[in-house]
Amino acid sequence: MKNDKFAFFIGVDVSKDKFNLAIVNNKLELLKETEFQMDIEGFNSFYDLIKKYNSSVIALESTGSYHINLLAFLVSKKKDVCLINPALIKKFAQSVTLRKTKTDKIDAVIIAKFIAKNIEHFNYFVLPESNDIIALARMKENIAQ
């Protein structure tokens, strides 16, 4: 797939209480880095920010269950979003740097660069059924309550 669709690549590193994001362009230049809380206010602030970056794709690393609520939120907003296997991100990180430094901020940049460099494989990372993701997020919230 030739990249005619996306101009910006948003990498999101998710943890239990917060998530970091990094935005890079087609030249892999870092445009923005920030952090949000893992709650509806954080999700809305994140959405307000990414609305400014038309033709963007969002990549999240699969993190057990931590990513589900954010993923469901993005899918409900009809954003182009994909879920990446952490093993792929780890191998990519090893291929682009020899440093062993690992922070949430750095991970978000690596995820953004990964999807930018692998956009021709975008279809492999896209989620099949958005309704299932939203239902899963609701079920998780009900169980938690």
Protein backbone atom coordinates (compact mmCIF):
# COMPACT_ATOMS: atom_id res chain seq x y z
CA MET A 1 0.00 0.00 0.00
CA LYS A 2 1.51 3.27 -1.06
CA ASN A 3 1.08 5.92 1.60
CA ASP A 4 -1.21 8.43 -0.06
CA LYS A 5 -3.66 8.41 2.84
CA PHE A 6 -1.65 9.34 5.92
CA ALA A 7 0.47 12.43 6.58
CA PHE A 8 0.84 11.97 10.35
CA PHE A 9 1.60 8.93 12.48
CA ILE A 10 0.56 8.90 16.11
CA GLY A 11 2.19 6.42 18.46
CA VAL A 12 0.53 5.75 21.79
CA ASP A 13 2.19 3.99 24.73
CA VAL A 14 -0.46 2.91 27.22
CA SER A 15 0.00 2.14 30.90
CA LYS A 16 -2.46 1.63 33.74
CA ASP A 17 -3.02 5.26 34.74
CA LYS A 18 -1.77 7.31 31.78
CA PHE A 19 -0.77 7.20 28.14
CA ASN A 20 1.94 8.96 26.20
CA LEU A 21 1.71 9.98 22.59
CA ALA A 22 4.14 11.03 19.92
CA ILE A 23 3.27 12.45 16.51
CA VAL A 24 5.67 12.16 13.58
CA ASN A 25 5.33 13.20 9.96
CA ASN A 26 6.27 11.36 6.75
CA LYS A 27 9.91 12.38 7.25
CA LEU A 28 9.85 10.81 10.75
CA GLU A 29 10.28 14.24 12.32
CA LEU A 30 8.89 14.45 15.84
CA LEU A 31 6.13 17.07 15.90
CA LYS A 32 4.53 16.60 19.30
CA GLU A 33 4.95 14.63 22.51
CA THR A 34 2.59 14.72 25.46
CA GLU A 35 0.91 12.66 28.17
CA PHE A 36 -2.72 12.17 29.19
CA GLN A 37 -4.53 10.51 32.05
CA MET A 38 -6.24 7.21 31.33
CA ASP A 39 -9.77 8.51 31.87
CA ILE A 40 -12.54 10.13 29.84
CA GLU A 41 -11.09 13.62 30.36
CA GLY A 42 -7.73 12.41 29.07
CA PHE A 43 -9.40 10.68 26.12
CA ASN A 44 -11.30 13.84 25.20
CA SER A 45 -8.17 16.01 25.48
CA PHE A 46 -6.31 13.51 23.31
CA TYR A 47 -9.10 13.57 20.73
CA ASP A 48 -9.13 17.40 20.69
CA LEU A 49 -5.38 17.35 19.98
CA ILE A 50 -5.42 14.74 17.21
CA LYS A 51 -8.32 16.42 15.39
CA LYS A 52 -5.74 19.02 14.34
CA TYR A 53 -3.78 16.33 12.49
CA ASN A 54 -5.97 15.40 9.53
CA SER A 55 -5.05 12.25 7.64
CA SER A 56 -3.43 10.57 10.62
CA VAL A 57 -3.21 6.99 11.77
CA ILE A 58 -2.98 6.01 15.43
CA ALA A 59 -0.96 2.99 16.54
CA LEU A 60 -1.21 1.45 19.99
CA GLU A 61 0.88 -1.34 21.40
CA SER A 62 -1.23 -4.22 22.69
CA THR A 63 -0.89 -4.08 26.48
CA GLY A 64 -3.03 -6.82 27.95
CA SER A 65 -6.18 -5.01 29.00
CA TYR A 66 -4.90 -1.45 29.56
CA HIS A 67 -5.39 -0.37 25.95
CA ILE A 68 -9.00 -1.58 25.57
CA ASN A 69 -10.86 1.53 26.80
CA LEU A 70 -8.75 3.95 24.76
CA LEU A 71 -9.02 1.71 21.72
CA ALA A 72 -12.81 1.51 22.05
CA PHE A 73 -12.97 5.30 22.42
CA LEU A 74 -10.94 5.85 19.23
CA VAL A 75 -12.93 3.29 17.28
CA SER A 76 -16.18 4.96 18.37
CA LYS A 77 -14.77 8.24 16.97
CA LYS A 78 -14.13 6.50 13.62
CA LYS A 79 -10.37 7.10 13.76
CA ASP A 80 -7.88 5.03 11.74
CA VAL A 81 -6.37 2.99 14.53
CA CYS A 82 -4.30 -0.14 14.66
CA LEU A 83 -3.04 -2.45 17.37
CA ILE A 84 0.58 -3.60 17.22
CA ASN A 85 2.09 -6.71 18.78
CA PRO A 86 4.68 -5.65 21.41
CA ALA A 87 7.20 -8.16 19.99
CA LEU A 88 7.18 -6.25 16.69
CA ILE A 89 7.76 -2.95 18.48
CA LYS A 90 10.62 -4.44 20.50
CA LYS A 91 12.36 -5.79 17.38
CA PHE A 92 11.86 -2.48 15.57
CA ALA A 93 13.31 -0.56 18.53
CA GLN A 94 16.35 -2.83 18.54
CA SER A 95 16.82 -2.22 14.82
CA VAL A 96 16.84 1.59 15.11
CA THR A 97 18.89 2.14 18.25
CA LEU A 98 21.52 0.42 20.32
CA ARG A 99 20.44 2.23 23.47
CA LYS A 100 18.65 0.19 26.09
CA THR A 101 16.86 3.25 27.47
CA LYS A 102 13.16 2.58 27.76
CA THR A 103 10.60 5.14 28.88
CA ASP A 104 6.94 5.67 28.00
CA LYS A 105 7.91 8.80 26.07
CA ILE A 106 10.53 6.97 24.02
CA ASP A 107 8.17 4.04 23.45
CA ALA A 108 5.49 6.36 22.01
CA VAL A 109 8.03 7.74 19.52
CA ILE A 110 9.14 4.23 18.55
CA ILE A 111 5.51 3.17 17.98
CA ALA A 112 4.85 6.24 15.80
CA LYS A 113 7.96 5.57 13.74
CA PHE A 114 7.10 1.88 13.47
CA ILE A 115 3.73 2.54 11.88
CA ALA A 116 5.20 5.24 9.63
CA LYS A 117 7.87 2.84 8.35
CA ASN A 118 5.43 -0.06 8.02
CA ILE A 119 2.38 1.72 6.63
CA GLU A 120 2.31 -0.57 3.61
CA HIS A 121 1.32 -3.34 6.07
CA PHE A 122 -1.42 -1.22 7.66
CA ASN A 123 -4.12 -3.72 6.70
CA TYR A 124 -2.45 -6.37 8.89
CA PHE A 125 -2.76 -4.17 11.97
CA VAL A 126 -6.31 -2.86 11.46
CA LEU A 127 -8.93 -4.26 13.78
CA PRO A 128 -11.60 -6.42 12.17
CA GLU A 129 -14.77 -5.61 14.11
CA SER A 130 -15.14 -2.29 15.88
CA ASN A 131 -18.45 -3.29 17.49
CA ASP A 132 -16.69 -6.17 19.24
CA ILE A 133 -14.08 -3.80 20.69
CA ILE A 134 -16.71 -1.43 22.04
CA ALA A 135 -18.64 -4.35 23.55
CA LEU A 136 -15.46 -5.69 25.13
CA ALA A 137 -14.69 -2.30 26.69
CA ARG A 138 -18.21 -2.09 28.14
CA MET A 139 -17.96 -5.62 29.51
CA LYS A 140 -14.59 -4.82 31.13
CA GLU A 141 -16.05 -1.72 32.79
CA ASN A 142 -19.08 -3.67 34.06
CA ILE A 143 -16.85 -6.37 35.54
CA ALA A 144 -14.59 -3.75 37.15
CA GLN A 145 -17.61 -2.07 38.76
